[in-house]
Amino acid sequence: MEQDTLPDFPTRSLQARLLTWVLHRYFAWSRGMTMGVRAACFDADGRVFLVRHSYVPGWHLPGGGIERGETALQALAKEMREEGNLEIGAAPRLLHVYFNRRTSKRDHVLFYRCDGVTQTAPRLKDREIVEAGFFSPDALPAATTVATRRRLEEIAGRAPFADIW
């Protein structure tokens, strides 16, 4: 892997940092542990889908939190639909479970691989998603996060699966 440090990203606004702080405090109060899902979503051409959020820098794999009463696969399908207008093709494969200590001391991420993913319509910019699209794994956007690059290296067999997101 070429880079082991985070690229220079614009600093998040005070409003975005405050919102993140408030949400994490709420989740800490309302839930003993948080769990989320993320997926490496590949289309028929082998391209991976990435999103760029308005509230955190860099390009990421789609995903989000699992809500009460929701299964991991339901959460995965919901996040794929919301973040990219994506539909699952082949059955998602759970690849690994990570501890996400950058978010909190109690957050875990279930990481899936989804092949044969299709997009029902282009994902238009809104308040949450600034950009989204499919990219060749060997031509990722420059601002793709270190964690995202690491997950793709793990999938490709060029790096062992880590325990920390």
C-alpha atoms as a PDB file:
ATOM      1  CA  MET A   1       0.000   0.000   0.000  1.00  0.00           C
ATOM      2  CA  GLU A   2       1.455   3.343  -1.043  1.00  0.00           C
ATOM      3  CA  GLN A   3       0.277   5.587   1.745  1.00  0.00           C
ATOM      4  CA  ASP A   4       0.120   4.910   5.452  1.00  0.00           C
ATOM      5  CA  THR A   5      -0.909   8.387   6.536  1.00  0.00           C
ATOM      6  CA  LEU A   6      -4.063  10.309   5.893  1.00  0.00           C
ATOM      7  CA  PRO A   7      -3.918  12.674   2.951  1.00  0.00           C
ATOM      8  CA  ASP A   8      -4.501  16.354   3.665  1.00  0.00           C
ATOM      9  CA  PHE A   9      -8.253  16.897   3.885  1.00  0.00           C
ATOM     10  CA  PRO A  10     -10.045  20.130   4.471  1.00  0.00           C
ATOM     11  CA  THR A  11     -10.859  20.604   8.143  1.00  0.00           C
ATOM     12  CA  ARG A  12     -14.458  19.835   9.008  1.00  0.00           C
ATOM     13  CA  SER A  13     -16.555  22.823   9.966  1.00  0.00           C
ATOM     14  CA  LEU A  14     -17.293  23.572  13.587  1.00  0.00           C
ATOM     15  CA  GLN A  15     -20.943  22.738  12.887  1.00  0.00           C
ATOM     16  CA  ALA A  16     -20.056  19.299  11.490  1.00  0.00           C
ATOM     17  CA  ARG A  17     -17.737  18.540  14.426  1.00  0.00           C
ATOM     18  CA  LEU A  18     -20.392  19.660  16.941  1.00  0.00           C
ATOM     19  CA  LEU A  19     -23.059  17.537  15.242  1.00  0.00           C
ATOM     20  CA  THR A  20     -20.754  14.496  15.307  1.00  0.00           C
ATOM     21  CA  TRP A  21     -19.990  15.090  19.003  1.00  0.00           C
ATOM     22  CA  VAL A  22     -23.699  15.431  19.892  1.00  0.00           C
ATOM     23  CA  LEU A  23     -24.700  12.334  17.911  1.00  0.00           C
ATOM     24  CA  HIS A  24     -21.985  10.211  19.506  1.00  0.00           C
ATOM     25  CA  ARG A  25     -23.026  11.354  22.986  1.00  0.00           C
ATOM     26  CA  TYR A  26     -26.642  10.504  22.171  1.00  0.00           C
ATOM     27  CA  PHE A  27     -25.692   7.063  20.831  1.00  0.00           C
ATOM     28  CA  ALA A  28     -23.524   6.409  23.904  1.00  0.00           C
ATOM     29  CA  TRP A  29     -26.512   7.209  26.103  1.00  0.00           C
ATOM     30  CA  SER A  30     -29.111   5.357  24.029  1.00  0.00           C
ATOM     31  CA  ARG A  31     -27.079   2.265  23.137  1.00  0.00           C
ATOM     32  CA  GLY A  32     -24.549   0.204  25.036  1.00  0.00           C
ATOM     33  CA  MET A  33     -22.630  -0.610  21.880  1.00  0.00           C
ATOM     34  CA  THR A  34     -22.980   0.553  18.317  1.00  0.00           C
ATOM     35  CA  MET A  35     -22.677  -1.608  15.253  1.00  0.00           C
ATOM     36  CA  GLY A  36     -22.620  -0.651  11.638  1.00  0.00           C
ATOM     37  CA  VAL A  37     -22.244  -2.148   8.207  1.00  0.00           C
ATOM     38  CA  ARG A  38     -20.038  -1.211   5.275  1.00  0.00           C
ATOM     39  CA  ALA A  39     -19.700  -2.885   1.919  1.00  0.00           C
ATOM     40  CA  ALA A  40     -17.316  -3.088  -0.957  1.00  0.00           C
ATOM     41  CA  CYS A  41     -19.910  -2.950  -3.739  1.00  0.00           C
ATOM     42  CA  PHE A  42     -18.634  -4.162  -7.102  1.00  0.00           C
ATOM     43  CA  ASP A  43     -20.512  -3.829 -10.376  1.00  0.00           C
ATOM     44  CA  ALA A  44     -20.324  -6.305 -13.286  1.00  0.00           C
ATOM     45  CA  ASP A  45     -17.201  -4.511 -14.570  1.00  0.00           C
ATOM     46  CA  GLY A  46     -15.346  -4.973 -11.264  1.00  0.00           C
ATOM     47  CA  ARG A  47     -15.576  -1.305 -10.302  1.00  0.00           C
ATOM     48  CA  VAL A  48     -16.128  -0.413  -6.645  1.00  0.00           C
ATOM     49  CA  PHE A  49     -18.709   2.121  -5.481  1.00  0.00           C
ATOM     50  CA  LEU A  50     -17.528   4.980  -3.260  1.00  0.00           C
ATOM     51  CA  VAL A  51     -19.255   7.934  -1.641  1.00  0.00           C
ATOM     52  CA  ARG A  52     -18.056  11.323  -0.445  1.00  0.00           C
ATOM     53  CA  HIS A  53     -20.061  12.690   2.486  1.00  0.00           C
ATOM     54  CA  SER A  54     -20.690  16.334   3.340  1.00  0.00           C
ATOM     55  CA  TYR A  55     -19.780  15.862   7.015  1.00  0.00           C
ATOM     56  CA  VAL A  56     -16.529  13.850   6.878  1.00  0.00           C
ATOM     57  CA  PRO A  57     -13.601  14.187   4.454  1.00  0.00           C
ATOM     58  CA  GLY A  58     -12.581  11.599   1.882  1.00  0.00           C
ATOM     59  CA  TRP A  59     -14.136   8.867  -0.232  1.00  0.00           C
ATOM     60  CA  HIS A  60     -15.655   5.924   1.650  1.00  0.00           C
ATOM     61  CA  LEU A  61     -17.328   2.603   1.084  1.00  0.00           C
ATOM     62  CA  PRO A  62     -21.098   2.916   1.587  1.00  0.00           C
ATOM     63  CA  GLY A  63     -22.503   1.991   4.961  1.00  0.00           C
ATOM     64  CA  GLY A  64     -24.078   3.130   8.191  1.00  0.00           C
ATOM     65  CA  GLY A  65     -25.476   2.110  11.529  1.00  0.00           C
ATOM     66  CA  ILE A  66     -27.712  -0.829  12.317  1.00  0.00           C
ATOM     67  CA  GLU A  67     -30.888   0.421  13.969  1.00  0.00           C
ATOM     68  CA  ARG A  68     -32.903  -1.364  16.637  1.00  0.00           C
ATOM     69  CA  GLY A  69     -35.160  -4.017  15.129  1.00  0.00           C
ATOM     70  CA  GLU A  70     -33.097  -4.136  11.945  1.00  0.00           C
ATOM     71  CA  THR A  71     -30.898  -7.020  10.802  1.00  0.00           C
ATOM     72  CA  ALA A  72     -27.415  -6.364   9.472  1.00  0.00           C
ATOM     73  CA  LEU A  73     -28.496  -7.323   5.954  1.00  0.00           C
ATOM     74  CA  GLN A  74     -31.519  -5.024   6.143  1.00  0.00           C
ATOM     75  CA  ALA A  75     -29.226  -2.187   7.258  1.00  0.00           C
ATOM     76  CA  LEU A  76     -26.803  -2.993   4.445  1.00  0.00           C
ATOM     77  CA  ALA A  77     -29.537  -2.931   1.781  1.00  0.00           C
ATOM     78  CA  LYS A  78     -30.944   0.313   3.241  1.00  0.00           C
ATOM     79  CA  GLU A  79     -27.554   2.068   3.281  1.00  0.00           C
ATOM     80  CA  MET A  80     -26.726   0.933  -0.239  1.00  0.00           C
ATOM     81  CA  ARG A  81     -30.081   2.216  -1.455  1.00  0.00           C
ATOM     82  CA  GLU A  82     -29.801   5.538   0.437  1.00  0.00           C
ATOM     83  CA  GLU A  83     -26.165   6.291  -0.369  1.00  0.00           C
ATOM     84  CA  GLY A  84     -26.016   5.123  -3.958  1.00  0.00           C
ATOM     85  CA  ASN A  85     -29.349   3.930  -5.349  1.00  0.00           C
ATOM     86  CA  LEU A  86     -27.694   0.514  -5.334  1.00  0.00           C
ATOM     87  CA  GLU A  87     -29.373  -2.874  -5.512  1.00  0.00           C
ATOM     88  CA  ILE A  88     -27.722  -6.022  -4.230  1.00  0.00           C
ATOM     89  CA  GLY A  89     -26.891  -8.607  -6.883  1.00  0.00           C
ATOM     90  CA  ALA A  90     -25.280 -11.776  -5.473  1.00  0.00           C
ATOM     91  CA  ALA A  91     -25.813 -12.509  -1.793  1.00  0.00           C
ATOM     92  CA  PRO A  92     -23.562 -10.263   0.348  1.00  0.00           C
ATOM     93  CA  ARG A  93     -20.599 -12.059   1.941  1.00  0.00           C
ATOM     94  CA  LEU A  94     -19.507 -11.095   5.436  1.00  0.00           C
ATOM     95  CA  LEU A  95     -15.734 -10.701   5.243  1.00  0.00           C
ATOM     96  CA  HIS A  96     -14.699  -9.429   8.659  1.00  0.00           C
ATOM     97  CA  VAL A  97     -15.763  -7.642  11.848  1.00  0.00           C
ATOM     98  CA  TYR A  98     -13.733  -4.580  12.838  1.00  0.00           C
ATOM     99  CA  PHE A  99     -13.422  -2.482  15.965  1.00  0.00           C
ATOM    100  CA  ASN A 100     -13.859   1.146  14.927  1.00  0.00           C
ATOM    101  CA  ARG A 101     -12.033   3.014  17.673  1.00  0.00           C
ATOM    102  CA  ARG A 102     -11.869   6.226  15.642  1.00  0.00           C
ATOM    103  CA  THR A 103     -15.608   6.611  16.167  1.00  0.00           C
ATOM    104  CA  SER A 104     -15.854   5.491  19.799  1.00  0.00           C
ATOM    105  CA  LYS A 105     -14.642   2.868  22.244  1.00  0.00           C
ATOM    106  CA  ARG A 106     -17.688   0.683  21.548  1.00  0.00           C
ATOM    107  CA  ASP A 107     -18.274   0.766  17.789  1.00  0.00           C
ATOM    108  CA  HIS A 108     -17.972  -2.274  15.521  1.00  0.00           C
ATOM    109  CA  VAL A 109     -18.320  -2.594  11.756  1.00  0.00           C
ATOM    110  CA  LEU A 110     -19.497  -5.654   9.836  1.00  0.00           C
ATOM    111  CA  PHE A 111     -17.734  -5.572   6.471  1.00  0.00           C
ATOM    112  CA  TYR A 112     -19.391  -7.193   3.461  1.00  0.00           C
ATOM    113  CA  ARG A 113     -18.500  -7.807  -0.149  1.00  0.00           C
ATOM    114  CA  CYS A 114     -21.320  -7.352  -2.645  1.00  0.00           C
ATOM    115  CA  ASP A 115     -20.835  -8.463  -6.247  1.00  0.00           C
ATOM    116  CA  GLY A 116     -23.104  -7.824  -9.213  1.00  0.00           C
ATOM    117  CA  VAL A 117     -24.362  -4.567  -7.709  1.00  0.00           C
ATOM    118  CA  THR A 118     -26.483  -2.382  -9.978  1.00  0.00           C
ATOM    119  CA  GLN A 119     -27.392   1.275  -9.697  1.00  0.00           C
ATOM    120  CA  THR A 120     -31.052   2.072 -10.370  1.00  0.00           C
ATOM    121  CA  ALA A 121     -30.391   5.796 -10.970  1.00  0.00           C
ATOM    122  CA  PRO A 122     -27.464   8.170 -10.579  1.00  0.00           C
ATOM    123  CA  ARG A 123     -26.964   9.340  -6.987  1.00  0.00           C
ATOM    124  CA  LEU A 124     -27.591  13.066  -6.978  1.00  0.00           C
ATOM    125  CA  LYS A 125     -25.917  15.452  -4.556  1.00  0.00           C
ATOM    126  CA  ASP A 126     -27.835  16.244  -1.373  1.00  0.00           C
ATOM    127  CA  ARG A 127     -27.129  17.350   2.211  1.00  0.00           C
ATOM    128  CA  GLU A 128     -25.448  14.033   3.103  1.00  0.00           C
ATOM    129  CA  ILE A 129     -23.791  12.771  -0.083  1.00  0.00           C
ATOM    130  CA  VAL A 130     -21.695  15.238  -2.091  1.00  0.00           C
ATOM    131  CA  GLU A 131     -20.469  12.765  -4.728  1.00  0.00           C
ATOM    132  CA  ALA A 132     -20.785   9.072  -5.474  1.00  0.00           C
ATOM    133  CA  GLY A 133     -19.716   6.718  -8.199  1.00  0.00           C
ATOM    134  CA  PHE A 134     -18.041   3.550  -9.394  1.00  0.00           C
ATOM    135  CA  PHE A 135     -14.246   3.481  -9.706  1.00  0.00           C
ATOM    136  CA  SER A 136     -11.709   0.989 -10.935  1.00  0.00           C
ATOM    137  CA  PRO A 137      -9.842  -0.363  -7.882  1.00  0.00           C
ATOM    138  CA  ASP A 138      -6.576   0.700  -9.519  1.00  0.00           C
ATOM    139  CA  ALA A 139      -7.827   4.261 -10.202  1.00  0.00           C
ATOM    140  CA  LEU A 140      -9.398   5.413  -6.941  1.00  0.00           C
ATOM    141  CA  PRO A 141      -9.941   9.123  -6.251  1.00  0.00           C
ATOM    142  CA  ALA A 142      -6.924  10.784  -4.592  1.00  0.00           C
ATOM    143  CA  ALA A 143      -8.915  11.541  -1.427  1.00  0.00           C
ATOM    144  CA  THR A 144      -9.934   7.915  -0.844  1.00  0.00           C
ATOM    145  CA  THR A 145      -9.448   7.258   2.861  1.00  0.00           C
ATOM    146  CA  VAL A 146      -6.660   5.072   4.198  1.00  0.00           C
ATOM    147  CA  ALA A 147      -9.244   2.701   5.731  1.00  0.00           C
ATOM    148  CA  THR A 148     -11.057   2.327   2.409  1.00  0.00           C
ATOM    149  CA  ARG A 149      -7.812   1.624   0.576  1.00  0.00           C
ATOM    150  CA  ARG A 150      -6.843  -0.878   3.283  1.00  0.00           C
ATOM    151  CA  ARG A 151     -10.177  -2.746   2.975  1.00  0.00           C
ATOM    152  CA  LEU A 152      -9.690  -3.039  -0.787  1.00  0.00           C
ATOM    153  CA  GLU A 153      -6.127  -4.313  -0.273  1.00  0.00           C
ATOM    154  CA  GLU A 154      -7.496  -6.934   2.159  1.00  0.00           C
ATOM    155  CA  ILE A 155     -10.134  -8.055  -0.339  1.00  0.00           C
ATOM    156  CA  ALA A 156      -7.508  -8.333  -3.072  1.00  0.00           C
ATOM    157  CA  GLY A 157      -5.351 -10.521  -0.797  1.00  0.00           C
ATOM    158  CA  ARG A 158      -2.487  -8.015  -0.727  1.00  0.00           C
ATOM    159  CA  ALA A 159      -2.887  -7.329   3.010  1.00  0.00           C
ATOM    160  CA  PRO A 160      -4.090  -9.428   5.944  1.00  0.00           C
ATOM    161  CA  PHE A 161      -7.422  -8.500   7.495  1.00  0.00           C
ATOM    162  CA  ALA A 162      -6.869  -6.100  10.387  1.00  0.00           C
ATOM    163  CA  ASP A 163      -9.003  -5.986  13.534  1.00  0.00           C
ATOM    164  CA  ILE A 164      -9.182  -2.180  13.649  1.00  0.00           C
ATOM    165  CA  TRP A 165     -11.139  -0.306  11.004  1.00  0.00           C
END
